[in-house]
Amino acid sequence: MSVAARYDAQVLSEDTEAVVHYTRRTGARPVNYTFEPPPGVPRNSGEVDKRKVAIRDARHSKEFSLDGSGFELVDHCGTLIDWTSFQDVEQVRAIDYPEIEALLRAVTGADKVLIFDHTLRHSSASPGRTSLREPVMRVHNDQTFDSAPRRVHKHLPADEASRRLQRRFAIINCWRPVGGPVLKAPLAMCDARSIEPGDLIASDLVYPDWTGETYAFSYAPRHRWFWFPRQTVREAALLKIFDSATNGCARLTAHTAFEHPTSAPDAPDRKSIEIRALVFW
């Protein structure tokens, strides 16, 4: 059976229950490597806390927005649509980056958008051994309240960074499947309005040349989980990773890949791209 036929034949249930991987709060700071760590060092530390949660279809409601829930789904008809094109880094930077910049300006009303990197994920990727990265099967957020401002200094000249940090800025991820709707390891997002500061666990994310800081999350039964079934490459899921505003809008959210209980054993591999951007007002 062709890949296209398999997509047509398989449909994941829209509202579901699934296990997601939280981090148990132990007092020890979790450390995660983006590459193969030194011998004897685990690639991911932190005690995993597996919890079964309800994950609902976010398409059934209009209550979701970047400033409300911390995520939303928008239409986006980009030029690049196939996996081969996205594997060409120069094509992604030359074609996809400007299109996503324009999308984010239109959605947020920002006066400047600066994309600082992107990641291709494949559910069969070998952890730490290829340029592709595997889906992250742990509840997390890509930045912390401390690390986000450091991103501004990292990617802007010193004078401009200092000026921009006096005003509102945000970090937003743009996530899209590539090749067809995701039928393996889809993405779930937690409503920011159900997250409290005590749920956040600062963690180290180690790159070959520097160490970033992310948030892991401890479990709370109040958390409300959602996903966008049947999402295509013509749709973009926008995730609020950080917002400097303190006026009651969503400042971040949590997200994770998860194993959908109705995903077939022979479901096509998940292929996706996420583009990360600094957004300035």
Protein backbone atom coordinates (compact mmCIF):
# COMPACT_ATOMS: atom_id res chain seq x y z
CA MET A 1 0.00 0.00 0.00
CA SER A 2 1.34 3.47 -0.85
CA VAL A 3 2.09 6.04 1.83
CA ALA A 4 -0.80 8.18 0.55
CA ALA A 5 -3.20 5.26 0.80
CA ARG A 6 -2.01 4.51 4.31
CA TYR A 7 -2.73 8.11 5.33
CA ASP A 8 -6.24 7.78 3.91
CA ALA A 9 -6.82 4.43 5.61
CA GLN A 10 -5.69 5.46 9.11
CA VAL A 11 -7.38 8.06 11.28
CA LEU A 12 -6.35 8.72 14.86
CA SER A 13 -9.17 9.23 17.34
CA GLU A 14 -9.62 12.94 17.99
CA ASP A 15 -10.27 13.00 21.74
CA THR A 16 -8.11 10.44 23.47
CA GLU A 17 -6.27 9.42 26.59
CA ALA A 18 -2.54 8.82 26.43
CA VAL A 19 0.53 8.62 28.62
CA VAL A 20 2.76 11.69 28.72
CA HIS A 21 6.13 11.88 30.42
CA TYR A 22 6.45 14.49 33.13
CA THR A 23 9.51 15.01 35.35
CA ARG A 24 9.31 14.16 39.03
CA ARG A 25 10.53 16.97 41.28
CA THR A 26 13.47 15.51 43.25
CA GLY A 27 15.59 18.58 43.97
CA ALA A 28 18.22 17.52 41.41
CA ARG A 29 18.53 19.66 38.28
CA PRO A 30 17.75 17.64 35.10
CA VAL A 31 20.39 17.66 32.34
CA ASN A 32 19.63 16.74 28.72
CA TYR A 33 22.18 16.35 25.90
CA THR A 34 21.48 17.12 22.24
CA PHE A 35 24.35 14.80 21.26
CA GLU A 36 25.93 11.59 22.50
CA PRO A 37 27.25 12.46 25.99
CA PRO A 38 30.56 11.30 27.46
CA PRO A 39 30.79 7.60 28.39
CA GLY A 40 28.84 6.81 31.53
CA VAL A 41 26.75 9.98 31.39
CA PRO A 42 23.02 9.51 30.66
CA ARG A 43 21.65 11.43 27.68
CA ASN A 44 18.67 12.55 29.76
CA SER A 45 18.62 12.81 33.53
CA GLY A 46 15.67 13.57 35.75
CA GLU A 47 13.19 11.03 37.03
CA VAL A 48 10.37 10.37 34.55
CA ASP A 49 6.83 10.54 35.92
CA LYS A 50 4.43 8.81 33.50
CA ARG A 51 0.82 10.01 33.67
CA LYS A 52 -2.24 9.15 31.63
CA VAL A 53 -4.04 12.35 30.63
CA ALA A 54 -6.98 13.35 28.45
CA ILE A 55 -5.81 14.95 25.21
CA ARG A 56 -8.65 16.71 23.42
CA ASP A 57 -9.15 17.89 19.86
CA ALA A 58 -8.38 21.62 19.81
CA ARG A 59 -10.17 22.03 16.47
CA HIS A 60 -13.54 21.84 18.28
CA SER A 61 -13.10 25.20 19.98
CA LYS A 62 -12.16 28.77 19.09
CA GLU A 63 -10.83 29.48 22.58
CA PHE A 64 -7.20 28.85 21.66
CA SER A 65 -4.79 31.67 20.87
CA LEU A 66 -1.15 32.54 21.43
CA ASP A 67 -1.97 35.08 24.13
CA GLY A 68 -4.74 33.00 25.72
CA SER A 69 -3.81 29.33 25.71
CA GLY A 70 -0.24 29.79 24.45
CA PHE A 71 -0.86 28.03 21.13
CA GLU A 72 -3.01 28.28 18.03
CA LEU A 73 -3.38 26.77 14.57
CA VAL A 74 -3.18 29.00 11.50
CA ASP A 75 -3.32 28.43 7.76
CA HIS A 76 0.02 28.68 6.01
CA CYS A 77 0.59 27.83 2.34
CA GLY A 78 4.36 27.80 2.18
CA THR A 79 6.48 27.13 -0.89
CA LEU A 80 8.32 24.13 0.56
CA ILE A 81 6.11 21.12 1.25
CA ASP A 82 8.08 17.89 0.68
CA TRP A 83 10.63 16.22 2.93
CA THR A 84 13.49 16.46 0.43
CA SER A 85 13.11 20.24 0.17
CA PHE A 86 13.14 20.67 3.94
CA GLN A 87 16.35 18.65 4.20
CA ASP A 88 18.10 21.33 2.12
CA VAL A 89 19.22 23.77 4.84
CA GLU A 90 19.93 26.58 2.42
CA GLN A 91 16.47 26.27 0.83
CA VAL A 92 14.83 26.38 4.25
CA ARG A 93 16.77 29.51 5.20
CA ALA A 94 16.28 31.25 1.85
CA ILE A 95 12.63 30.36 1.24
CA ASP A 96 10.92 29.10 4.40
CA TYR A 97 12.42 31.57 6.89
CA PRO A 98 11.09 34.71 5.12
CA GLU A 99 7.66 33.12 4.71
CA ILE A 100 7.45 32.23 8.41
CA GLU A 101 8.69 35.70 9.35
CA ALA A 102 5.86 37.22 7.32
CA LEU A 103 3.35 34.81 8.90
CA LEU A 104 4.42 35.71 12.44
CA ARG A 105 4.31 39.44 11.73
CA ALA A 106 0.78 39.07 10.37
CA VAL A 107 -0.45 36.95 13.30
CA THR A 108 1.20 38.94 16.10
CA GLY A 109 1.45 42.48 14.74
CA ALA A 110 5.16 42.53 15.65
CA ASP A 111 7.46 45.02 13.96
CA LYS A 112 10.42 42.62 13.83
CA VAL A 113 10.72 38.83 13.61
CA LEU A 114 14.12 37.12 13.75
CA ILE A 115 14.29 33.39 13.11
CA PHE A 116 17.29 31.94 14.92
CA ASP A 117 17.14 28.22 14.08
CA HIS A 118 15.06 25.25 12.98
CA THR A 119 14.94 21.52 13.66
CA LEU A 120 13.86 18.62 11.48
CA ARG A 121 12.46 15.66 13.39
CA HIS A 122 11.94 12.08 12.26
CA SER A 123 10.51 9.38 14.50
CA SER A 124 13.18 6.91 13.30
CA ALA A 125 16.12 9.26 13.92
CA SER A 126 18.99 7.87 15.97
CA PRO A 127 19.30 9.99 19.13
CA GLY A 128 22.33 12.26 18.95
CA ARG A 129 23.82 10.56 15.90
CA THR A 130 22.39 12.39 12.88
CA SER A 131 21.39 15.91 11.84
CA LEU A 132 17.78 14.79 12.30
CA ARG A 133 16.40 14.75 15.81
CA GLU A 134 13.80 12.45 17.28
CA PRO A 135 10.46 13.72 18.68
CA VAL A 136 10.81 14.79 22.32
CA MET A 137 8.71 12.45 24.44
CA ARG A 138 8.87 14.54 27.61
CA VAL A 139 6.77 17.51 28.74
CA HIS A 140 8.91 20.62 28.29
CA ASN A 141 9.21 24.23 27.17
CA ASP A 142 12.20 25.32 25.08
CA GLN A 143 13.21 28.38 27.14
CA THR A 144 13.03 29.69 30.68
CA PHE A 145 12.38 33.18 32.02
CA ASP A 146 16.16 33.51 32.48
CA SER A 147 17.36 31.99 29.18
CA ALA A 148 14.98 33.85 26.84
CA PRO A 149 16.63 37.28 27.29
CA ARG A 150 20.00 35.62 26.69
CA ARG A 151 18.69 34.57 23.28
CA VAL A 152 18.21 38.24 22.40
CA HIS A 153 21.81 39.02 23.32
CA LYS A 154 22.99 35.95 21.40
CA HIS A 155 21.32 36.92 18.12
CA LEU A 156 21.33 40.74 18.06
CA PRO A 157 24.09 43.37 18.23
CA ALA A 158 24.63 44.57 21.79
CA ASP A 159 23.09 48.03 21.30
CA GLU A 160 19.99 46.70 19.59
CA ALA A 161 19.61 43.89 22.12
CA SER A 162 19.66 46.36 25.02
CA ARG A 163 17.08 48.53 23.29
CA ARG A 164 14.80 45.64 22.36
CA LEU A 165 14.86 44.25 25.89
CA GLN A 166 13.26 47.46 27.15
CA ARG A 167 10.08 46.55 25.27
CA ARG A 168 7.91 43.47 24.90
CA PHE A 169 9.39 40.49 23.08
CA ALA A 170 8.51 36.83 22.71
CA ILE A 171 9.85 33.55 21.40
CA ILE A 172 7.43 31.59 19.22
CA ASN A 173 7.86 28.17 17.64
CA CYS A 174 6.20 27.34 14.34
CA TRP A 175 5.59 23.57 14.06
CA ARG A 176 4.43 21.73 10.94
CA PRO A 177 4.24 18.09 9.84
CA VAL A 178 5.96 17.24 6.56
CA GLY A 179 4.63 14.74 4.04
CA GLY A 180 1.19 14.13 5.51
CA PRO A 181 -0.85 14.21 8.72
CA VAL A 182 1.07 12.84 11.71
CA LEU A 183 0.05 9.27 12.54
CA LYS A 184 2.95 8.48 14.88
CA ALA A 185 4.25 10.56 17.83
CA PRO A 186 1.93 13.57 17.35
CA LEU A 187 2.36 16.82 19.27
CA ALA A 188 0.30 17.70 22.36
CA MET A 189 0.12 21.15 23.94
CA CYS A 190 -0.92 22.19 27.43
CA ASP A 191 -3.25 25.16 27.90
CA ALA A 192 -1.11 27.88 29.51
CA ARG A 193 -4.07 28.88 31.70
CA SER A 194 -3.80 25.53 33.48
CA ILE A 195 -0.08 25.91 34.29
CA GLU A 196 1.22 27.48 37.50
CA PRO A 197 4.77 28.66 38.34
CA GLY A 198 5.28 25.79 40.76
CA ASP A 199 4.99 23.30 37.86
CA LEU A 200 8.21 24.56 36.22
CA ILE A 201 11.53 22.75 36.68
CA ALA A 202 14.61 24.52 35.24
CA SER A 203 16.82 22.10 33.30
CA ASP A 204 20.09 22.23 31.36
CA LEU A 205 20.08 21.55 27.61
CA VAL A 206 23.65 20.82 26.55
CA TYR A 207 24.82 21.56 23.00
CA PRO A 208 28.34 20.80 21.73
CA ASP A 209 29.34 24.46 22.07
CA TRP A 210 27.09 25.89 24.79
CA THR A 211 24.47 25.07 27.43
CA GLY A 212 20.93 26.40 27.25
CA GLU A 213 18.17 26.28 29.83
CA THR A 214 14.69 24.81 29.37
CA TYR A 215 11.75 23.95 31.58
CA ALA A 216 10.65 20.45 32.46
CA PHE A 217 7.25 20.15 34.16
CA SER A 218 5.94 18.35 37.20
CA TYR A 219 2.52 16.76 36.95
CA ALA A 220 -0.64 18.54 38.08
CA PRO A 221 -4.18 17.16 37.53
CA ARG A 222 -5.37 20.65 36.53
CA HIS A 223 -3.32 20.57 33.31
CA ARG A 224 -5.49 20.65 30.15
CA TRP A 225 -3.98 18.91 27.12
CA PHE A 226 -4.90 19.37 23.44
CA TRP A 227 -3.69 18.49 19.96
CA PHE A 228 -4.56 19.24 16.34
CA PRO A 229 -5.54 16.01 14.56
CA ARG A 230 -5.13 15.80 10.78
CA GLN A 231 -2.77 18.78 10.74
CA THR A 232 -1.11 19.16 7.35
CA VAL A 233 1.96 20.99 6.08
CA ARG A 234 -0.48 23.71 4.95
CA GLU A 235 -1.21 24.48 8.60
CA ALA A 236 1.15 25.86 11.24
CA ALA A 237 0.87 25.26 14.98
CA LEU A 238 2.27 28.30 16.77
CA LEU A 239 3.56 27.77 20.32
CA LYS A 240 4.34 30.52 22.82
CA ILE A 241 7.74 29.63 24.28
CA PHE A 242 8.29 32.89 26.14
CA ASP A 243 6.67 36.29 26.47
CA SER A 244 8.10 39.19 28.47
CA ALA A 245 4.62 40.71 28.91
CA THR A 246 3.20 40.43 32.43
CA ASN A 247 -0.33 41.69 31.69
CA GLY A 248 -2.03 38.32 32.09
CA CYS A 249 -1.37 36.88 28.63
CA ALA A 250 0.18 33.43 28.23
CA ARG A 251 3.91 33.66 28.92
CA LEU A 252 4.75 30.08 27.89
CA THR A 253 3.21 26.67 27.46
CA ALA A 254 4.23 23.03 27.72
CA HIS A 255 4.34 20.57 24.86
CA THR A 256 5.40 16.99 24.17
CA ALA A 257 5.20 14.24 21.60
CA PHE A 258 3.07 11.30 22.71
CA GLU A 259 2.21 7.78 21.63
CA HIS A 260 -1.36 7.87 20.37
CA PRO A 261 -3.21 4.70 21.50
CA THR A 262 -4.85 4.18 18.08
CA SER A 263 -1.66 4.69 16.05
CA ALA A 264 -1.07 1.58 13.90
CA PRO A 265 2.19 -0.36 14.36
CA ASP A 266 3.03 0.27 10.70
CA ALA A 267 2.05 3.96 10.70
CA PRO A 268 4.34 6.18 8.62
CA ASP A 269 7.18 7.81 10.50
CA ARG A 270 6.53 11.27 11.85
CA LYS A 271 8.39 13.94 9.91
CA SER A 272 8.16 17.52 11.10
CA ILE A 273 9.89 20.89 11.11
CA GLU A 274 9.88 23.48 13.86
CA ILE A 275 11.16 26.99 13.30
CA ARG A 276 12.03 29.18 16.29
CA ALA A 277 11.75 32.95 16.20
CA LEU A 278 12.32 36.01 18.32
CA VAL A 279 9.36 38.38 17.99
CA PHE A 280 9.65 42.07 18.91
CA TRP A 281 7.03 44.80 19.34
